[in-house]
Amino acid sequence: MSLPLPTKRHATALDLEQVPEHLVGEIVGGQLYNSPRPAAAHTRAASRLGGALDGPFDRGHGGPGGWIILDEPELHLSSNIVVPDLAGWRRSTMPTLPEVSHFDLAPDWVCEIVSPGTESFDRSIKMPLYSEAGVSFAWLIDPLAQTLEVYENTSKAFHLVERYDGAAIVNPRPFDALPLELASLWAR
């Protein structure tokens, strides 16, 4: 994770366009942050989680449906531009997927797959932003430590409500209608 680029002005969407493709650019508090594309374990965990949630929760195959789940959506939350690894909107919040390049509507759930280089940014910068924007649930997954932390937003602050590790089979909120096999997220 790089430090904010020193600027005399607030970073803009135009600054994001200048970020090289091998980096992920985000703007928080007017500062441009760049981080490298995710490593294999990170990408694998995100892909496996997206696959596990898509059928039953987004498409309603073998599960309750009622969600729109997306990989790496660009979120414009107030003046901040962030890209969570995964995000989901209840259909009651966003009934259909709009034809847009970014989303101004805060999701109901976000998931960040942390790495040694992004964990501090995800925890101390992005989590408060998500909370303030009204995101109801946030997950932090660490594929190296093999952990899943589930946070719920109460009174504009996230509180840890569940922490799982290893190969447990769990029912984490808000997707607690079906079990999730954590071992599948860590599989090499």
N, C-alpha and C. Protein backbone atom coordinates (compact mmCIF):
# COMPACT_ATOMS: atom_id res chain seq x y z
N MET A 1 0.86 -1.17 0.00
CA MET A 1 0.00 0.00 0.00
C MET A 1 0.90 1.22 0.00
N SER A 2 0.63 2.10 -0.90
CA SER A 2 1.42 3.33 -0.93
C SER A 2 0.78 4.37 -0.03
N LEU A 3 1.56 5.30 0.40
CA LEU A 3 1.05 6.41 1.18
C LEU A 3 0.31 7.35 0.26
N PRO A 4 -0.53 8.24 0.81
CA PRO A 4 -1.21 9.19 -0.06
C PRO A 4 -0.17 9.99 -0.86
N LEU A 5 -0.52 10.23 -2.10
CA LEU A 5 0.35 11.07 -2.91
C LEU A 5 0.24 12.50 -2.43
N PRO A 6 1.35 13.20 -2.24
CA PRO A 6 1.25 14.59 -1.78
C PRO A 6 0.62 15.45 -2.86
N THR A 7 -0.47 16.11 -2.51
CA THR A 7 -1.14 16.99 -3.45
C THR A 7 -1.48 18.28 -2.75
N LYS A 8 -1.61 19.31 -3.53
CA LYS A 8 -2.02 20.59 -2.98
C LYS A 8 -3.53 20.77 -3.16
N ARG A 9 -4.16 19.81 -3.82
CA ARG A 9 -5.59 19.87 -4.06
C ARG A 9 -6.19 18.48 -3.81
N HIS A 10 -7.50 18.44 -3.76
CA HIS A 10 -8.16 17.15 -3.60
C HIS A 10 -8.03 16.34 -4.89
N ALA A 11 -7.74 15.07 -4.74
CA ALA A 11 -7.67 14.17 -5.88
C ALA A 11 -9.07 14.03 -6.49
N THR A 12 -9.12 13.77 -7.79
CA THR A 12 -10.39 13.66 -8.50
C THR A 12 -10.43 12.37 -9.31
N ALA A 13 -11.56 12.11 -9.93
CA ALA A 13 -11.70 10.95 -10.80
C ALA A 13 -10.68 11.01 -11.94
N LEU A 14 -10.32 12.19 -12.39
CA LEU A 14 -9.29 12.33 -13.42
C LEU A 14 -7.95 11.78 -12.94
N ASP A 15 -7.65 11.99 -11.66
CA ASP A 15 -6.42 11.42 -11.09
C ASP A 15 -6.46 9.89 -11.12
N LEU A 16 -7.64 9.33 -10.90
CA LEU A 16 -7.76 7.86 -10.94
C LEU A 16 -7.47 7.32 -12.33
N GLU A 17 -7.87 8.06 -13.35
CA GLU A 17 -7.62 7.63 -14.72
C GLU A 17 -6.13 7.54 -15.04
N GLN A 18 -5.32 8.26 -14.29
CA GLN A 18 -3.87 8.28 -14.52
C GLN A 18 -3.15 7.14 -13.77
N VAL A 19 -3.86 6.41 -12.92
CA VAL A 19 -3.25 5.32 -12.16
C VAL A 19 -2.94 4.17 -13.13
N PRO A 20 -1.72 3.67 -13.14
CA PRO A 20 -1.37 2.56 -14.04
C PRO A 20 -2.27 1.34 -13.79
N GLU A 21 -2.50 0.56 -14.83
CA GLU A 21 -3.42 -0.58 -14.73
C GLU A 21 -2.98 -1.65 -13.75
N HIS A 22 -1.69 -1.72 -13.42
CA HIS A 22 -1.23 -2.74 -12.49
C HIS A 22 -1.48 -2.33 -11.03
N LEU A 23 -2.09 -1.15 -10.82
CA LEU A 23 -2.43 -0.67 -9.48
C LEU A 23 -3.93 -0.44 -9.37
N VAL A 24 -4.41 -0.46 -8.14
CA VAL A 24 -5.80 -0.10 -7.85
C VAL A 24 -5.76 1.27 -7.19
N GLY A 25 -6.45 2.24 -7.78
CA GLY A 25 -6.50 3.58 -7.22
C GLY A 25 -7.81 3.83 -6.50
N GLU A 26 -7.73 4.51 -5.36
CA GLU A 26 -8.92 4.88 -4.59
C GLU A 26 -8.68 6.27 -4.02
N ILE A 27 -9.78 7.01 -3.82
CA ILE A 27 -9.68 8.35 -3.24
C ILE A 27 -10.47 8.36 -1.95
N VAL A 28 -9.79 8.70 -0.86
CA VAL A 28 -10.44 8.79 0.45
C VAL A 28 -9.98 10.08 1.10
N GLY A 29 -10.92 10.88 1.52
CA GLY A 29 -10.59 12.14 2.18
C GLY A 29 -9.79 13.08 1.29
N GLY A 30 -10.03 12.99 -0.02
CA GLY A 30 -9.33 13.86 -0.96
C GLY A 30 -7.95 13.39 -1.35
N GLN A 31 -7.47 12.29 -0.77
CA GLN A 31 -6.15 11.77 -1.05
C GLN A 31 -6.23 10.55 -1.97
N LEU A 32 -5.32 10.46 -2.91
CA LEU A 32 -5.24 9.33 -3.82
C LEU A 32 -4.37 8.24 -3.19
N TYR A 33 -4.91 7.04 -3.11
CA TYR A 33 -4.19 5.88 -2.60
C TYR A 33 -4.03 4.88 -3.75
N ASN A 34 -2.87 4.29 -3.86
CA ASN A 34 -2.61 3.26 -4.86
C ASN A 34 -2.15 2.01 -4.15
N SER A 35 -2.65 0.88 -4.61
CA SER A 35 -2.18 -0.39 -4.07
C SER A 35 -1.99 -1.36 -5.23
N PRO A 36 -1.10 -2.34 -5.06
CA PRO A 36 -0.88 -3.31 -6.14
C PRO A 36 -2.09 -4.20 -6.32
N ARG A 37 -2.22 -4.77 -7.50
CA ARG A 37 -3.28 -5.76 -7.74
C ARG A 37 -3.06 -6.89 -6.74
N PRO A 38 -4.14 -7.58 -6.37
CA PRO A 38 -4.03 -8.61 -5.35
C PRO A 38 -3.17 -9.80 -5.75
N ALA A 39 -2.57 -10.42 -4.73
CA ALA A 39 -1.79 -11.65 -4.92
C ALA A 39 -2.74 -12.84 -5.10
N ALA A 40 -2.18 -13.98 -5.43
CA ALA A 40 -2.97 -15.16 -5.78
C ALA A 40 -3.93 -15.60 -4.66
N ALA A 41 -3.45 -15.67 -3.42
CA ALA A 41 -4.32 -16.12 -2.32
C ALA A 41 -5.49 -15.18 -2.12
N HIS A 42 -5.25 -13.90 -2.27
CA HIS A 42 -6.28 -12.87 -2.15
C HIS A 42 -7.32 -13.05 -3.26
N THR A 43 -6.84 -13.18 -4.50
CA THR A 43 -7.74 -13.33 -5.64
C THR A 43 -8.55 -14.61 -5.53
N ARG A 44 -7.90 -15.67 -5.09
CA ARG A 44 -8.58 -16.96 -4.94
C ARG A 44 -9.70 -16.87 -3.91
N ALA A 45 -9.43 -16.27 -2.76
CA ALA A 45 -10.46 -16.13 -1.73
C ALA A 45 -11.64 -15.30 -2.24
N ALA A 46 -11.35 -14.20 -2.91
CA ALA A 46 -12.43 -13.35 -3.45
C ALA A 46 -13.25 -14.10 -4.49
N SER A 47 -12.57 -14.81 -5.39
CA SER A 47 -13.28 -15.57 -6.43
C SER A 47 -14.15 -16.66 -5.84
N ARG A 48 -13.59 -17.40 -4.89
CA ARG A 48 -14.36 -18.48 -4.27
C ARG A 48 -15.56 -17.94 -3.50
N LEU A 49 -15.36 -16.84 -2.77
CA LEU A 49 -16.48 -16.26 -2.02
C LEU A 49 -17.56 -15.76 -2.97
N GLY A 50 -17.17 -15.05 -4.01
CA GLY A 50 -18.15 -14.58 -4.99
C GLY A 50 -18.93 -15.73 -5.59
N GLY A 51 -18.24 -16.81 -5.92
CA GLY A 51 -18.91 -17.99 -6.46
C GLY A 51 -19.88 -18.62 -5.48
N ALA A 52 -19.48 -18.68 -4.21
CA ALA A 52 -20.35 -19.28 -3.18
C ALA A 52 -21.61 -18.46 -2.95
N LEU A 53 -21.51 -17.14 -3.08
CA LEU A 53 -22.67 -16.27 -2.81
C LEU A 53 -23.55 -16.06 -4.04
N ASP A 54 -22.97 -16.11 -5.22
CA ASP A 54 -23.71 -15.78 -6.45
C ASP A 54 -24.96 -16.63 -6.65
N GLY A 55 -24.79 -17.94 -6.70
CA GLY A 55 -25.93 -18.81 -6.99
C GLY A 55 -27.08 -18.67 -6.01
N PRO A 56 -26.83 -18.92 -4.73
CA PRO A 56 -27.95 -18.91 -3.78
C PRO A 56 -28.47 -17.52 -3.42
N PHE A 57 -27.62 -16.52 -3.39
CA PHE A 57 -28.07 -15.22 -2.90
C PHE A 57 -28.36 -14.22 -4.02
N ASP A 58 -27.61 -14.24 -5.10
CA ASP A 58 -27.87 -13.32 -6.21
C ASP A 58 -28.89 -13.93 -7.17
N ARG A 59 -28.63 -15.13 -7.64
CA ARG A 59 -29.52 -15.74 -8.63
C ARG A 59 -30.65 -16.54 -8.01
N GLY A 60 -30.57 -16.83 -6.71
CA GLY A 60 -31.64 -17.58 -6.06
C GLY A 60 -31.62 -19.07 -6.36
N HIS A 61 -30.51 -19.62 -6.85
CA HIS A 61 -30.39 -21.05 -7.11
C HIS A 61 -29.97 -21.77 -5.83
N GLY A 62 -30.88 -22.54 -5.26
CA GLY A 62 -30.58 -23.28 -4.04
C GLY A 62 -30.48 -22.41 -2.80
N GLY A 63 -30.99 -21.21 -2.89
CA GLY A 63 -30.94 -20.29 -1.75
C GLY A 63 -32.04 -19.24 -1.85
N PRO A 64 -32.02 -18.29 -0.94
CA PRO A 64 -33.12 -17.33 -0.84
C PRO A 64 -33.14 -16.22 -1.89
N GLY A 65 -32.03 -16.01 -2.61
CA GLY A 65 -31.98 -14.89 -3.55
C GLY A 65 -32.08 -13.57 -2.80
N GLY A 66 -32.50 -12.53 -3.50
CA GLY A 66 -32.74 -11.25 -2.86
C GLY A 66 -31.56 -10.30 -2.82
N TRP A 67 -30.46 -10.64 -3.51
CA TRP A 67 -29.26 -9.81 -3.49
C TRP A 67 -28.73 -9.57 -4.89
N ILE A 68 -27.96 -8.51 -5.05
CA ILE A 68 -27.09 -8.27 -6.21
C ILE A 68 -25.68 -8.26 -5.64
N ILE A 69 -24.85 -9.21 -6.08
CA ILE A 69 -23.49 -9.37 -5.59
C ILE A 69 -22.53 -9.02 -6.74
N LEU A 70 -21.57 -8.13 -6.50
CA LEU A 70 -20.62 -7.73 -7.53
C LEU A 70 -19.18 -7.81 -7.04
N ASP A 71 -18.29 -8.16 -7.96
CA ASP A 71 -16.85 -8.14 -7.72
C ASP A 71 -16.31 -6.76 -8.04
N GLU A 72 -15.54 -6.22 -7.13
CA GLU A 72 -14.81 -4.95 -7.31
C GLU A 72 -15.63 -3.81 -7.93
N PRO A 73 -16.81 -3.52 -7.37
CA PRO A 73 -17.55 -2.37 -7.91
C PRO A 73 -16.90 -1.06 -7.47
N GLU A 74 -16.93 -0.08 -8.32
CA GLU A 74 -16.42 1.24 -7.94
C GLU A 74 -17.55 1.98 -7.23
N LEU A 75 -17.29 2.36 -5.97
CA LEU A 75 -18.29 3.04 -5.16
C LEU A 75 -17.90 4.51 -5.01
N HIS A 76 -18.85 5.39 -5.26
CA HIS A 76 -18.66 6.82 -5.01
C HIS A 76 -19.50 7.14 -3.78
N LEU A 77 -18.87 7.20 -2.65
CA LEU A 77 -19.53 7.45 -1.38
C LEU A 77 -19.14 8.85 -0.93
N SER A 78 -20.05 9.77 -1.10
CA SER A 78 -19.77 11.18 -0.87
C SER A 78 -18.64 11.57 -1.83
N SER A 79 -17.57 12.15 -1.34
CA SER A 79 -16.47 12.54 -2.23
C SER A 79 -15.39 11.45 -2.31
N ASN A 80 -15.65 10.30 -1.74
CA ASN A 80 -14.69 9.20 -1.72
C ASN A 80 -14.99 8.21 -2.84
N ILE A 81 -13.95 7.65 -3.42
CA ILE A 81 -14.09 6.64 -4.47
C ILE A 81 -13.28 5.43 -4.01
N VAL A 82 -13.99 4.33 -3.76
CA VAL A 82 -13.35 3.13 -3.26
C VAL A 82 -13.80 1.92 -4.06
N VAL A 83 -13.00 0.86 -3.98
CA VAL A 83 -13.29 -0.38 -4.70
C VAL A 83 -13.14 -1.55 -3.74
N PRO A 84 -14.25 -1.97 -3.11
CA PRO A 84 -14.15 -3.16 -2.25
C PRO A 84 -13.95 -4.41 -3.11
N ASP A 85 -13.46 -5.46 -2.52
CA ASP A 85 -13.27 -6.70 -3.27
C ASP A 85 -14.60 -7.28 -3.72
N LEU A 86 -15.59 -7.23 -2.85
CA LEU A 86 -16.95 -7.66 -3.19
C LEU A 86 -17.92 -6.72 -2.48
N ALA A 87 -19.10 -6.59 -3.06
CA ALA A 87 -20.15 -5.80 -2.41
C ALA A 87 -21.49 -6.38 -2.81
N GLY A 88 -22.47 -6.16 -1.96
CA GLY A 88 -23.81 -6.66 -2.24
C GLY A 88 -24.88 -5.68 -1.80
N TRP A 89 -25.91 -5.61 -2.62
CA TRP A 89 -27.08 -4.78 -2.33
C TRP A 89 -28.28 -5.71 -2.23
N ARG A 90 -29.06 -5.54 -1.19
CA ARG A 90 -30.33 -6.25 -1.12
C ARG A 90 -31.21 -5.72 -2.25
N ARG A 91 -32.02 -6.59 -2.81
CA ARG A 91 -32.92 -6.16 -3.89
C ARG A 91 -33.90 -5.10 -3.39
N SER A 92 -34.16 -5.07 -2.10
CA SER A 92 -35.02 -4.02 -1.55
C SER A 92 -34.31 -2.66 -1.58
N THR A 93 -32.99 -2.66 -1.58
CA THR A 93 -32.20 -1.44 -1.66
C THR A 93 -31.99 -1.03 -3.11
N MET A 94 -31.64 -2.00 -3.96
CA MET A 94 -31.38 -1.76 -5.39
C MET A 94 -32.08 -2.89 -6.15
N PRO A 95 -33.34 -2.66 -6.56
CA PRO A 95 -34.13 -3.72 -7.18
C PRO A 95 -33.53 -4.31 -8.46
N THR A 96 -32.89 -3.48 -9.27
CA THR A 96 -32.27 -3.97 -10.50
C THR A 96 -30.89 -3.34 -10.63
N LEU A 97 -30.04 -4.00 -11.38
CA LEU A 97 -28.68 -3.50 -11.61
C LEU A 97 -28.75 -2.35 -12.61
N PRO A 98 -28.36 -1.15 -12.20
CA PRO A 98 -28.42 -0.03 -13.14
C PRO A 98 -27.27 -0.08 -14.16
N GLU A 99 -27.45 0.56 -15.28
CA GLU A 99 -26.43 0.65 -16.32
C GLU A 99 -25.54 1.84 -15.99
N VAL A 100 -24.57 1.64 -15.09
CA VAL A 100 -23.68 2.70 -14.64
C VAL A 100 -22.26 2.19 -14.58
N SER A 101 -21.30 3.10 -14.58
CA SER A 101 -19.90 2.71 -14.45
C SER A 101 -19.45 2.68 -13.00
N HIS A 102 -20.23 3.33 -12.13
CA HIS A 102 -19.93 3.32 -10.70
C HIS A 102 -21.26 3.43 -9.94
N PHE A 103 -21.18 3.20 -8.65
CA PHE A 103 -22.38 3.19 -7.82
C PHE A 103 -22.31 4.28 -6.77
N ASP A 104 -23.34 5.12 -6.73
CA ASP A 104 -23.46 6.15 -5.71
C ASP A 104 -24.23 5.64 -4.49
N LEU A 105 -24.97 4.57 -4.68
CA LEU A 105 -25.77 3.97 -3.62
C LEU A 105 -24.89 3.02 -2.81
N ALA A 106 -24.78 3.28 -1.53
CA ALA A 106 -23.96 2.43 -0.65
C ALA A 106 -24.53 1.01 -0.64
N PRO A 107 -23.67 0.02 -0.70
CA PRO A 107 -24.15 -1.36 -0.61
C PRO A 107 -24.60 -1.69 0.81
N ASP A 108 -25.29 -2.81 0.93
CA ASP A 108 -25.71 -3.29 2.25
C ASP A 108 -24.61 -4.12 2.91
N TRP A 109 -23.68 -4.64 2.08
CA TRP A 109 -22.59 -5.50 2.55
C TRP A 109 -21.36 -5.25 1.71
N VAL A 110 -20.21 -5.20 2.34
CA VAL A 110 -18.92 -5.15 1.63
C VAL A 110 -18.00 -6.20 2.21
N CYS A 111 -17.06 -6.63 1.37
CA CYS A 111 -16.05 -7.56 1.82
C CYS A 111 -14.70 -7.09 1.31
N GLU A 112 -13.76 -6.99 2.21
CA GLU A 112 -12.38 -6.68 1.87
C GLU A 112 -11.53 -7.91 2.19
N ILE A 113 -10.74 -8.34 1.22
CA ILE A 113 -9.78 -9.41 1.43
C ILE A 113 -8.47 -8.72 1.78
N VAL A 114 -8.05 -8.85 3.02
CA VAL A 114 -6.87 -8.09 3.47
C VAL A 114 -5.58 -8.84 3.13
N SER A 115 -4.54 -8.05 2.98
CA SER A 115 -3.20 -8.57 2.76
C SER A 115 -2.26 -7.77 3.65
N PRO A 116 -1.03 -8.22 3.82
CA PRO A 116 -0.12 -7.43 4.67
C PRO A 116 0.00 -5.98 4.21
N GLY A 117 -0.09 -5.74 2.91
CA GLY A 117 0.07 -4.38 2.40
C GLY A 117 -1.18 -3.52 2.45
N THR A 118 -2.37 -4.15 2.60
CA THR A 118 -3.62 -3.37 2.57
C THR A 118 -4.41 -3.40 3.88
N GLU A 119 -4.02 -4.26 4.81
CA GLU A 119 -4.84 -4.45 6.01
C GLU A 119 -5.06 -3.16 6.79
N SER A 120 -4.04 -2.38 7.00
CA SER A 120 -4.19 -1.13 7.74
C SER A 120 -5.13 -0.17 7.02
N PHE A 121 -4.98 -0.04 5.72
CA PHE A 121 -5.85 0.83 4.92
C PHE A 121 -7.30 0.34 4.98
N ASP A 122 -7.50 -0.97 4.81
CA ASP A 122 -8.85 -1.52 4.85
C ASP A 122 -9.50 -1.30 6.21
N ARG A 123 -8.75 -1.55 7.29
CA ARG A 123 -9.31 -1.43 8.64
C ARG A 123 -9.50 0.02 9.10
N SER A 124 -8.47 0.83 8.95
CA SER A 124 -8.52 2.15 9.57
C SER A 124 -9.03 3.26 8.66
N ILE A 125 -9.01 3.06 7.35
CA ILE A 125 -9.47 4.10 6.43
C ILE A 125 -10.81 3.72 5.80
N LYS A 126 -10.88 2.53 5.20
CA LYS A 126 -12.09 2.16 4.47
C LYS A 126 -13.25 1.74 5.38
N MET A 127 -12.98 1.00 6.44
CA MET A 127 -14.08 0.55 7.31
C MET A 127 -14.86 1.73 7.89
N PRO A 128 -14.23 2.77 8.45
CA PRO A 128 -15.01 3.91 8.93
C PRO A 128 -15.81 4.60 7.82
N LEU A 129 -15.23 4.66 6.63
CA LEU A 129 -15.94 5.25 5.49
C LEU A 129 -17.19 4.44 5.17
N TYR A 130 -17.07 3.12 5.11
CA TYR A 130 -18.23 2.26 4.85
C TYR A 130 -19.29 2.43 5.93
N SER A 131 -18.85 2.49 7.16
CA SER A 131 -19.79 2.67 8.27
C SER A 131 -20.55 3.98 8.14
N GLU A 132 -19.82 5.06 7.90
CA GLU A 132 -20.44 6.38 7.76
C GLU A 132 -21.41 6.43 6.59
N ALA A 133 -21.12 5.68 5.53
CA ALA A 133 -21.99 5.65 4.35
C ALA A 133 -23.25 4.84 4.59
N GLY A 134 -23.30 4.08 5.68
CA GLY A 134 -24.50 3.31 6.00
C GLY A 134 -24.48 1.86 5.58
N VAL A 135 -23.30 1.33 5.25
CA VAL A 135 -23.19 -0.09 4.93
C VAL A 135 -23.54 -0.88 6.19
N SER A 136 -24.43 -1.86 6.06
CA SER A 136 -24.92 -2.60 7.23
C SER A 136 -23.95 -3.65 7.75
N PHE A 137 -23.28 -4.35 6.84
CA PHE A 137 -22.36 -5.42 7.22
C PHE A 137 -21.05 -5.29 6.45
N ALA A 138 -19.95 -5.61 7.10
CA ALA A 138 -18.64 -5.65 6.45
C ALA A 138 -17.92 -6.91 6.89
N TRP A 139 -17.28 -7.54 5.94
CA TRP A 139 -16.45 -8.71 6.22
C TRP A 139 -15.01 -8.35 5.91
N LEU A 140 -14.12 -8.78 6.78
CA LEU A 140 -12.69 -8.72 6.52
C LEU A 140 -12.20 -10.17 6.50
N ILE A 141 -11.63 -10.56 5.37
CA ILE A 141 -11.12 -11.91 5.20
C ILE A 141 -9.61 -11.82 5.05
N ASP A 142 -8.91 -12.63 5.81
CA ASP A 142 -7.45 -12.72 5.71
C ASP A 142 -7.11 -14.13 5.25
N PRO A 143 -6.80 -14.32 3.96
CA PRO A 143 -6.53 -15.67 3.47
C PRO A 143 -5.23 -16.26 4.00
N LEU A 144 -4.28 -15.43 4.43
CA LEU A 144 -3.04 -15.96 4.98
C LEU A 144 -3.25 -16.45 6.41
N ALA A 145 -3.97 -15.70 7.21
CA ALA A 145 -4.29 -16.13 8.58
C ALA A 145 -5.50 -17.06 8.61
N GLN A 146 -6.20 -17.18 7.48
CA GLN A 146 -7.40 -18.01 7.34
C GLN A 146 -8.48 -17.60 8.34
N THR A 147 -8.84 -16.30 8.29
CA THR A 147 -9.87 -15.78 9.19
C THR A 147 -10.92 -15.00 8.42
N LEU A 148 -12.12 -15.01 8.99
CA LEU A 148 -13.23 -14.19 8.52
C LEU A 148 -13.76 -13.45 9.73
N GLU A 149 -13.78 -12.11 9.64
CA GLU A 149 -14.36 -11.27 10.68
C GLU A 149 -15.63 -10.63 10.11
N VAL A 150 -16.72 -10.71 10.87
CA VAL A 150 -18.00 -10.16 10.45
C VAL A 150 -18.33 -8.97 11.35
N TYR A 151 -18.56 -7.82 10.72
CA TYR A 151 -18.88 -6.59 11.44
C TYR A 151 -20.29 -6.16 11.08
N GLU A 152 -21.00 -5.64 12.09
CA GLU A 152 -22.33 -5.08 11.87
C GLU A 152 -22.30 -3.60 12.25
N ASN A 153 -22.99 -2.81 11.45
CA ASN A 153 -23.03 -1.36 11.66
C ASN A 153 -24.18 -1.02 12.60
N THR A 154 -23.84 -0.48 13.74
CA THR A 154 -24.84 0.00 14.69
C THR A 154 -24.45 1.42 15.07
N SER A 155 -25.36 2.34 14.89
CA SER A 155 -25.12 3.75 15.23
C SER A 155 -23.88 4.31 14.53
N LYS A 156 -23.76 4.02 13.21
CA LYS A 156 -22.67 4.55 12.38
C LYS A 156 -21.28 4.10 12.85
N ALA A 157 -21.22 2.89 13.42
CA ALA A 157 -19.93 2.32 13.80
C ALA A 157 -20.01 0.80 13.65
N PHE A 158 -18.96 0.21 13.12
CA PHE A 158 -18.91 -1.24 12.98
C PHE A 158 -18.48 -1.88 14.29
N HIS A 159 -19.15 -2.99 14.60
CA HIS A 159 -18.80 -3.78 15.79
C HIS A 159 -18.60 -5.22 15.34
N LEU A 160 -17.51 -5.82 15.80
CA LEU A 160 -17.23 -7.21 15.48
C LEU A 160 -18.29 -8.08 16.14
N VAL A 161 -19.01 -8.87 15.33
CA VAL A 161 -20.05 -9.73 15.88
C VAL A 161 -19.70 -11.21 15.76
N GLU A 162 -18.82 -11.55 14.81
CA GLU A 162 -18.42 -12.94 14.64
C GLU A 162 -17.00 -12.99 14.10
N ARG A 163 -16.24 -13.98 14.56
CA ARG A 163 -14.89 -14.21 14.01
C ARG A 163 -14.72 -15.70 13.86
N TYR A 164 -14.35 -16.10 12.65
CA TYR A 164 -14.19 -17.51 12.34
C TYR A 164 -12.79 -17.73 11.80
N ASP A 165 -12.29 -18.98 11.95
CA ASP A 165 -10.99 -19.27 11.37
C ASP A 165 -10.88 -20.72 10.95
N GLY A 166 -9.83 -21.00 10.21
CA GLY A 166 -9.54 -22.36 9.79
C GLY A 166 -10.53 -22.90 8.79
N ALA A 167 -10.90 -24.16 8.99
CA ALA A 167 -11.74 -24.87 8.04
C ALA A 167 -13.19 -24.98 8.52
N ALA A 168 -13.61 -24.09 9.40
CA ALA A 168 -14.96 -24.15 9.94
C ALA A 168 -16.02 -24.01 8.85
N ILE A 169 -17.16 -24.58 9.10
CA ILE A 169 -18.34 -24.36 8.27
C ILE A 169 -19.23 -23.43 9.08
N VAL A 170 -19.51 -22.26 8.51
CA VAL A 170 -20.13 -21.18 9.27
C VAL A 170 -21.34 -20.60 8.54
N ASN A 171 -22.12 -19.82 9.25
CA ASN A 171 -23.27 -19.13 8.69
C ASN A 171 -23.16 -17.64 9.03
N PRO A 172 -22.25 -16.93 8.37
CA PRO A 172 -22.02 -15.53 8.73
C PRO A 172 -23.10 -14.59 8.20
N ARG A 173 -23.47 -13.62 9.03
CA ARG A 173 -24.45 -12.62 8.62
C ARG A 173 -23.87 -11.70 7.55
N PRO A 174 -24.60 -11.22 6.62
CA PRO A 174 -26.04 -11.37 6.42
C PRO A 174 -26.41 -12.57 5.55
N PHE A 175 -25.46 -13.44 5.24
CA PHE A 175 -25.72 -14.59 4.38
C PHE A 175 -25.83 -15.86 5.21
N ASP A 176 -26.49 -15.76 6.35
CA ASP A 176 -26.56 -16.87 7.30
C ASP A 176 -27.62 -17.91 6.95
N ALA A 177 -28.33 -17.73 5.85
CA ALA A 177 -29.34 -18.72 5.46
C ALA A 177 -28.71 -20.02 5.00
N LEU A 178 -27.46 -19.98 4.57
CA LEU A 178 -26.77 -21.17 4.09
C LEU A 178 -25.36 -21.23 4.66
N PRO A 179 -24.81 -22.43 4.84
CA PRO A 179 -23.44 -22.54 5.37
C PRO A 179 -22.39 -22.15 4.33
N LEU A 180 -21.29 -21.64 4.83
CA LEU A 180 -20.13 -21.29 4.02
C LEU A 180 -18.95 -22.11 4.51
N GLU A 181 -18.30 -22.83 3.62
CA GLU A 181 -17.14 -23.63 3.98
C GLU A 181 -15.89 -22.76 3.86
N LEU A 182 -15.34 -22.36 4.98
CA LEU A 182 -14.16 -21.49 4.96
C LEU A 182 -12.98 -22.15 4.25
N ALA A 183 -12.83 -23.46 4.38
CA ALA A 183 -11.70 -24.14 3.74
C ALA A 183 -11.65 -23.87 2.24
N SER A 184 -12.81 -23.69 1.63
CA SER A 184 -12.82 -23.44 0.18
C SER A 184 -12.18 -22.11 -0.16
N LEU A 185 -12.20 -21.16 0.77
CA LEU A 185 -11.60 -19.84 0.52
C LEU A 185 -10.08 -19.90 0.55
N TRP A 186 -9.54 -20.85 1.29
CA TRP A 186 -8.09 -20.92 1.45
C TRP A 186 -7.46 -21.92 0.49
N ALA A 187 -8.28 -22.70 -0.20
CA ALA A 187 -7.76 -23.76 -1.07
C ALA A 187 -6.78 -23.22 -2.09
N ARG A 188 -5.67 -23.93 -2.26
CA ARG A 188 -4.64 -23.51 -3.23
C ARG A 188 -4.86 -24.30 -4.46
